[in-house]
Amino acid sequence: MALEKCQAEWEELEKEFQQLQETHKIYKQKLDELTNLQTICSSSISKQKKSFSDLKHSFHLCKRTKNADELEIIRNIECQIKERKNVFFDMEAYLPKKNGLYLNLVLGNVNVTLLSNQAKFAYKDEYEKFKLYLTIILLLGAITCRFLLNYRVTDEIFNFLLVWYYCTLTIRESILISNGSRIKGWWVSHHYVSTFLSGVMLTWPDGLMYQMFRNQFLAFSIYQSFVQFLQYYYQSGCLYRLRALGERNHLDLTVEGFQSWMWRGLTFLLPFLFFGHFWQLYNALTLFGLSRHTECKEWQVFMLALTFLLLFLGNFLTTLKVVHQKFHKNKDKARKKE
């Protein structure tokens, strides 16, 4: 009886195995079809983009005409080309593409394109959670180093955590950009600069100069983590509302700075941001002063001063530009209503 039962179970497993083989065969066929379709779409998009480039050159020559009707036709086609480029951007988010230089250096030529919306959104949410959890950990770490543990070892652990955090952010953001997230401008470069700054802090040897700047840096880190936590909390709520209204892309992210979509309901963050920017300037000035100290022999002091100055200029000017543009846009809207 036991043998008959085992034999019947084996026959059942054999049937399931045969079905699995058939299903896997179909899966491989569909996979080949998918790969072929991806190749066709990618080559067609490349061809269209090249044709658009040639058309723009031809239109440049045609614009010399004084015929109003012809100029109107050219303007309409140029507007459609601009819209088509946005469509291509969305299409390419679902097609395999070559990695940029940074991802190639870090990951090699691995395809990082996520093919389904569900996978893209899951990765984006994981990125947001990672930022939130690490922001809280860094806040607690900075408080511990500043007020509880005045040891070089704990400072090194904290600085190493900063390096790892910003390095990981740059990799994750590069993957998100490959999958259609419209992260651009200074707020991408900002993380690369922060990675470099944290690396220099990590290599700064203990000494008089380090101790003179240590408490100021840790206090700044506490404030920065606190502001980043505030930004995440309020930006995520604002993004949720805008996505529900169809005004923002589902892959848009929270950032450390200020963007135009944050204007409604988030302007209260601006004083916190500007204060943080000027604290970066204060750090730069302090370090420039320390670099002229007679006891200063470390190259890290002057390098950190330049890096903090770069961060201040990038953050302050970008935020100021967004505020200026939004102010003028609101002013123009008010005039039209009148």
Protein backbone atom coordinates (compact mmCIF):
# COMPACT_ATOMS: atom_id res chain seq x y z
CA MET A 1 0.00 0.00 0.00
CA ALA A 2 2.81 2.38 0.90
CA LEU A 3 4.57 1.65 -2.43
CA GLU A 4 1.37 2.18 -4.44
CA LYS A 5 0.83 5.50 -2.67
CA CYS A 6 4.41 6.60 -3.42
CA GLN A 7 4.03 5.49 -7.06
CA ALA A 8 0.77 7.45 -7.43
CA GLU A 9 2.42 10.52 -5.91
CA TRP A 10 5.39 10.13 -8.29
CA GLU A 11 3.02 9.92 -11.30
CA GLU A 12 1.28 13.08 -10.13
CA LEU A 13 4.65 14.83 -9.80
CA GLU A 14 5.61 13.58 -13.27
CA LYS A 15 2.47 15.16 -14.77
CA GLU A 16 3.21 18.45 -12.97
CA PHE A 17 6.82 18.30 -14.24
CA GLN A 18 5.65 17.81 -17.83
CA GLN A 19 3.31 20.80 -17.43
CA LEU A 20 6.14 22.85 -15.92
CA GLN A 21 8.39 22.06 -18.89
CA GLU A 22 5.68 23.19 -21.32
CA THR A 23 5.06 26.38 -19.33
CA HIS A 24 8.79 27.13 -19.15
CA LYS A 25 9.10 26.59 -22.91
CA ILE A 26 6.33 29.13 -23.52
CA TYR A 27 8.00 31.50 -21.03
CA LYS A 28 11.31 31.32 -22.95
CA GLN A 29 9.49 31.98 -26.24
CA LYS A 30 7.73 35.00 -24.74
CA LEU A 31 11.04 36.20 -23.33
CA ASP A 32 12.63 36.02 -26.78
CA GLU A 33 9.64 37.89 -28.21
CA LEU A 34 9.98 40.52 -25.49
CA THR A 35 13.71 40.94 -26.21
CA ASN A 36 12.98 41.36 -29.94
CA LEU A 37 10.24 43.92 -29.23
CA GLN A 38 12.60 45.85 -26.94
CA THR A 39 15.24 45.94 -29.69
CA ILE A 40 12.69 47.11 -32.27
CA CYS A 41 11.35 49.86 -29.98
CA SER A 42 14.83 51.08 -29.00
CA SER A 43 16.04 51.25 -32.61
CA SER A 44 12.82 53.01 -33.72
CA ILE A 45 13.19 55.62 -30.96
CA SER A 46 16.84 56.21 -31.94
CA LYS A 47 15.80 56.58 -35.59
CA GLN A 48 13.04 59.06 -34.68
CA LYS A 49 15.39 61.11 -32.52
CA LYS A 50 17.94 61.31 -35.34
CA SER A 51 15.21 62.38 -37.77
CA PHE A 52 14.06 65.07 -35.33
CA SER A 53 17.61 66.38 -35.12
CA ASP A 54 17.79 66.60 -38.93
CA LEU A 55 14.37 68.27 -39.04
CA LYS A 56 15.41 70.92 -36.49
CA HIS A 57 18.42 71.75 -38.67
CA SER A 58 16.16 72.06 -41.74
CA PHE A 59 13.69 74.23 -39.83
CA HIS A 60 16.53 76.53 -38.83
CA LEU A 61 17.13 77.20 -42.52
CA CYS A 62 13.39 77.52 -43.26
CA LYS A 63 12.93 80.14 -40.52
CA ARG A 64 14.66 82.67 -42.73
CA THR A 65 11.42 82.93 -44.67
CA LYS A 66 9.13 85.86 -43.91
CA ASN A 67 5.95 83.91 -44.72
CA ALA A 68 3.78 83.99 -41.56
CA ASP A 69 1.87 80.79 -42.43
CA GLU A 70 5.08 78.81 -42.93
CA LEU A 71 6.51 80.10 -39.65
CA GLU A 72 3.32 79.02 -37.86
CA ILE A 73 3.61 75.52 -39.35
CA ILE A 74 7.25 75.30 -38.22
CA ARG A 75 6.33 76.42 -34.68
CA ASN A 76 3.53 73.84 -34.45
CA ILE A 77 5.82 71.02 -35.60
CA GLU A 78 8.54 72.11 -33.14
CA CYS A 79 6.00 72.02 -30.29
CA GLN A 80 4.95 68.51 -31.32
CA ILE A 81 8.62 67.41 -31.46
CA LYS A 82 9.09 68.71 -27.91
CA GLU A 83 6.04 66.74 -26.73
CA ARG A 84 7.24 63.66 -28.61
CA LYS A 85 10.57 63.79 -26.76
CA ASN A 86 8.69 63.60 -23.45
CA VAL A 87 6.80 60.55 -24.78
CA PHE A 88 10.12 58.95 -25.78
CA PHE A 89 11.46 59.58 -22.26
CA ASP A 90 8.49 57.67 -20.79
CA MET A 91 8.91 54.86 -23.34
CA GLU A 92 12.62 54.48 -22.63
CA ALA A 93 11.87 54.05 -18.93
CA TYR A 94 10.55 50.55 -19.83
CA LEU A 95 13.35 49.64 -22.25
CA PRO A 96 16.84 48.32 -21.41
CA LYS A 97 19.52 50.93 -21.89
CA LYS A 98 23.25 51.31 -21.39
CA ASN A 99 24.23 52.42 -17.91
CA GLY A 100 25.86 55.80 -17.42
CA LEU A 101 29.53 56.11 -16.53
CA TYR A 102 28.89 56.06 -12.77
CA LEU A 103 26.72 52.92 -12.78
CA ASN A 104 29.15 51.22 -15.15
CA LEU A 105 32.00 51.88 -12.73
CA VAL A 106 30.01 50.66 -9.73
CA LEU A 107 27.85 47.83 -11.13
CA GLY A 108 29.31 47.09 -14.55
CA ASN A 109 27.14 46.72 -17.64
CA VAL A 110 24.17 45.22 -15.76
CA ASN A 111 20.64 46.00 -16.94
CA VAL A 112 18.96 47.94 -14.10
CA THR A 113 15.69 48.72 -15.92
CA LEU A 114 12.63 47.52 -14.00
CA LEU A 115 10.00 46.46 -16.54
CA SER A 116 6.78 46.82 -14.51
CA ASN A 117 5.20 49.81 -12.78
CA GLN A 118 4.81 47.72 -9.65
CA ALA A 119 8.56 46.99 -9.52
CA LYS A 120 9.42 50.67 -10.18
CA PHE A 121 7.10 51.94 -7.43
CA ALA A 122 8.36 49.28 -4.99
CA TYR A 123 11.97 50.34 -5.63
CA LYS A 124 11.08 54.03 -5.26
CA ASP A 125 9.30 53.36 -1.93
CA GLU A 126 12.30 51.34 -0.75
CA TYR A 127 14.54 54.31 -1.63
CA GLU A 128 12.32 56.69 0.38
CA LYS A 129 12.27 54.36 3.39
CA PHE A 130 16.06 54.00 3.21
CA LYS A 131 16.46 57.79 3.29
CA LEU A 132 14.06 58.15 6.22
CA TYR A 133 15.61 55.39 8.35
CA LEU A 134 19.18 56.51 7.70
CA THR A 135 18.27 60.15 8.42
CA ILE A 136 16.97 59.09 11.85
CA ILE A 137 20.05 56.92 12.49
CA LEU A 138 22.39 59.77 11.46
CA LEU A 139 20.50 62.21 13.69
CA LEU A 140 20.87 59.88 16.69
CA GLY A 141 24.52 59.22 15.77
CA ALA A 142 25.37 62.92 15.60
CA ILE A 143 23.64 63.60 18.95
CA THR A 144 25.54 60.68 20.55
CA CYS A 145 28.92 61.87 19.24
CA ARG A 146 28.25 65.49 20.18
CA PHE A 147 26.90 65.06 23.71
CA LEU A 148 27.72 61.53 24.97
CA LEU A 149 30.81 60.00 23.34
CA ASN A 150 33.80 62.23 22.68
CA TYR A 151 35.98 59.52 21.12
CA ARG A 152 37.78 59.49 17.78
CA VAL A 153 36.56 55.93 17.09
CA THR A 154 32.88 56.89 17.37
CA ASP A 155 33.51 59.94 15.16
CA GLU A 156 35.09 57.66 12.54
CA ILE A 157 32.10 55.31 12.65
CA PHE A 158 29.74 58.26 12.19
CA ASN A 159 31.79 59.67 9.27
CA PHE A 160 31.99 56.23 7.65
CA LEU A 161 28.21 55.93 7.95
CA LEU A 162 27.86 59.29 6.18
CA VAL A 163 30.14 58.13 3.34
CA TRP A 164 28.22 54.86 2.94
CA TYR A 165 24.85 56.66 3.07
CA TYR A 166 25.66 59.21 0.36
CA CYS A 167 27.40 56.60 -1.84
CA THR A 168 24.34 54.37 -1.63
CA LEU A 169 22.03 57.31 -2.40
CA THR A 170 23.97 58.15 -5.59
CA ILE A 171 23.74 54.54 -6.80
CA ARG A 172 20.02 54.23 -6.00
CA GLU A 173 19.27 57.58 -7.63
CA SER A 174 21.15 56.57 -10.78
CA ILE A 175 19.01 53.41 -10.97
CA LEU A 176 15.84 55.47 -10.46
CA ILE A 177 16.89 57.88 -13.24
CA SER A 178 17.39 54.87 -15.56
CA ASN A 179 13.81 53.84 -14.72
CA GLY A 180 12.21 57.17 -15.63
CA SER A 181 12.52 59.24 -12.45
CA ARG A 182 13.04 62.89 -13.36
CA ILE A 183 15.74 63.68 -10.78
CA LYS A 184 18.00 66.31 -12.29
CA GLY A 185 20.05 69.41 -11.70
CA TRP A 186 21.95 70.34 -8.60
CA TRP A 187 20.03 68.00 -6.27
CA VAL A 188 21.70 65.02 -7.98
CA SER A 189 25.20 66.58 -7.94
CA HIS A 190 24.63 67.58 -4.30
CA HIS A 191 24.90 63.95 -3.15
CA TYR A 192 28.18 63.40 -5.03
CA VAL A 193 29.67 66.50 -3.39
CA SER A 194 28.37 65.34 0.02
CA THR A 195 29.99 61.92 -0.54
CA PHE A 196 33.32 63.61 -1.23
CA LEU A 197 32.97 65.88 1.83
CA SER A 198 32.18 62.92 4.10
CA GLY A 199 35.17 61.02 2.68
CA VAL A 200 37.51 63.92 3.44
CA MET A 201 36.09 64.18 6.99
CA LEU A 202 36.73 60.45 7.42
CA THR A 203 40.42 60.83 6.47
CA TRP A 204 41.02 63.93 8.63
CA PRO A 205 43.47 62.85 11.36
CA ASP A 206 42.82 63.72 14.99
CA GLY A 207 44.58 66.84 16.20
CA LEU A 208 44.11 70.45 17.25
CA MET A 209 42.42 71.52 13.98
CA TYR A 210 40.04 68.57 14.05
CA GLN A 211 39.04 69.18 17.67
CA MET A 212 38.48 72.90 16.97
CA PHE A 213 35.97 72.06 14.22
CA ARG A 214 34.49 68.81 15.58
CA ASN A 215 31.64 70.20 17.71
CA GLN A 216 30.60 72.68 15.01
CA PHE A 217 30.42 69.91 12.41
CA LEU A 218 28.43 67.58 14.67
CA ALA A 219 26.00 70.39 15.57
CA PHE A 220 25.57 71.08 11.84
CA SER A 221 24.97 67.35 11.21
CA ILE A 222 22.25 67.31 13.89
CA TYR A 223 20.52 70.31 12.33
CA GLN A 224 20.88 68.92 8.78
CA SER A 225 19.37 65.54 9.74
CA PHE A 226 16.52 67.29 11.56
CA VAL A 227 15.70 69.44 8.51
CA GLN A 228 15.93 66.40 6.20
CA PHE A 229 13.45 64.59 8.45
CA LEU A 230 11.08 67.58 8.27
CA GLN A 231 11.45 67.72 4.48
CA TYR A 232 10.72 64.02 4.07
CA TYR A 233 7.62 64.20 6.30
CA TYR A 234 6.05 67.19 4.54
CA GLN A 235 7.27 66.55 0.98
CA SER A 236 5.95 62.97 0.97
CA GLY A 237 2.50 64.25 1.98
CA CYS A 238 2.60 66.97 -0.68
CA LEU A 239 3.76 64.52 -3.37
CA TYR A 240 0.95 62.12 -2.44
CA ARG A 241 -1.67 64.84 -2.97
CA LEU A 242 -0.13 66.02 -6.26
CA ARG A 243 0.09 62.45 -7.61
CA ALA A 244 -3.57 61.89 -6.70
CA LEU A 245 -4.44 65.04 -8.70
CA GLY A 246 -2.31 63.82 -11.62
CA GLU A 247 0.06 66.79 -11.36
CA ARG A 248 3.20 64.80 -10.50
CA ASN A 249 4.86 61.64 -11.84
CA HIS A 250 4.58 58.54 -9.63
CA LEU A 251 8.38 58.22 -9.62
CA ASP A 252 9.00 61.75 -8.27
CA LEU A 253 11.01 61.76 -5.04
CA THR A 254 11.60 63.80 -1.93
CA VAL A 255 14.79 65.87 -2.18
CA GLU A 256 17.08 67.73 0.23
CA GLY A 257 16.35 71.07 -1.43
CA PHE A 258 13.40 73.09 -2.69
CA GLN A 259 11.62 72.65 -6.04
CA SER A 260 8.75 74.48 -7.70
CA TRP A 261 6.12 71.85 -6.85
CA MET A 262 6.85 72.40 -3.13
CA TRP A 263 5.54 75.95 -3.23
CA ARG A 264 2.04 75.12 -2.06
CA GLY A 265 2.05 74.25 1.63
CA LEU A 266 5.81 73.82 2.01
CA THR A 267 7.07 77.40 1.95
CA PHE A 268 7.44 77.27 5.75
CA LEU A 269 10.49 75.04 5.11
CA LEU A 270 12.34 77.85 3.33
CA PRO A 271 13.68 79.59 6.52
CA PHE A 272 15.02 76.22 7.77
CA LEU A 273 16.67 75.58 4.41
CA PHE A 274 18.23 79.03 4.11
CA PHE A 275 19.53 78.81 7.68
CA GLY A 276 21.16 75.46 6.81
CA HIS A 277 22.69 76.96 3.65
CA PHE A 278 24.25 79.83 5.60
CA TRP A 279 25.51 77.38 8.21
CA GLN A 280 27.40 75.68 5.36
CA LEU A 281 28.90 79.08 4.50
CA TYR A 282 29.80 79.56 8.17
CA ASN A 283 31.52 76.14 8.16
CA ALA A 284 33.47 77.15 5.04
CA LEU A 285 34.60 80.45 6.60
CA THR A 286 35.58 78.69 9.85
CA LEU A 287 37.66 76.15 7.92
CA PHE A 288 39.30 78.83 5.78
CA GLY A 289 40.28 80.53 9.05
CA LEU A 290 41.65 77.25 10.45
CA SER A 291 43.64 76.64 7.26
CA ARG A 292 45.61 79.84 8.02
CA HIS A 293 46.33 78.72 11.58
CA THR A 294 50.04 78.31 12.36
CA GLU A 295 49.43 74.75 13.66
CA CYS A 296 47.48 73.67 10.57
CA LYS A 297 49.32 71.03 8.51
CA GLU A 298 46.41 68.91 7.22
CA TRP A 299 45.27 69.30 3.59
CA GLN A 300 41.77 68.26 4.64
CA VAL A 301 41.07 71.65 6.26
CA PHE A 302 41.33 73.72 3.07
CA MET A 303 39.65 71.01 0.96
CA LEU A 304 36.68 70.85 3.34
CA ALA A 305 36.42 74.65 3.26
CA LEU A 306 36.17 74.60 -0.54
CA THR A 307 33.63 71.75 -0.46
CA PHE A 308 31.39 73.47 2.11
CA LEU A 309 31.59 76.66 0.02
CA LEU A 310 30.56 74.70 -3.10
CA LEU A 311 27.63 73.16 -1.22
CA PHE A 312 26.52 76.58 0.02
CA LEU A 313 26.68 78.14 -3.46
CA GLY A 314 24.89 75.22 -5.12
CA ASN A 315 22.14 74.93 -2.50
CA PHE A 316 21.60 78.66 -1.97
CA LEU A 317 21.62 79.71 -5.64
CA THR A 318 19.40 76.79 -6.72
CA THR A 319 16.84 77.48 -4.00
CA LEU A 320 16.96 81.21 -4.76
CA LYS A 321 16.42 80.49 -8.48
CA VAL A 322 13.35 78.33 -7.77
CA VAL A 323 11.85 80.97 -5.44
CA HIS A 324 12.56 83.74 -7.97
CA GLN A 325 10.98 81.80 -10.85
CA LYS A 326 7.93 80.86 -8.79
CA PHE A 327 7.49 84.44 -7.58
CA HIS A 328 7.48 85.79 -11.14
CA LYS A 329 5.17 83.02 -12.34
CA ASN A 330 2.66 83.83 -9.60
CA LYS A 331 3.00 87.53 -10.45
CA ASP A 332 2.21 86.83 -14.13
CA LYS A 333 -0.82 84.73 -13.16
CA ALA A 334 -2.10 87.58 -10.98
CA ARG A 335 -1.73 90.03 -13.87
CA LYS A 336 -3.67 87.76 -16.24
CA LYS A 337 -6.53 87.50 -13.75
CA GLU A 338 -6.70 91.29 -13.56
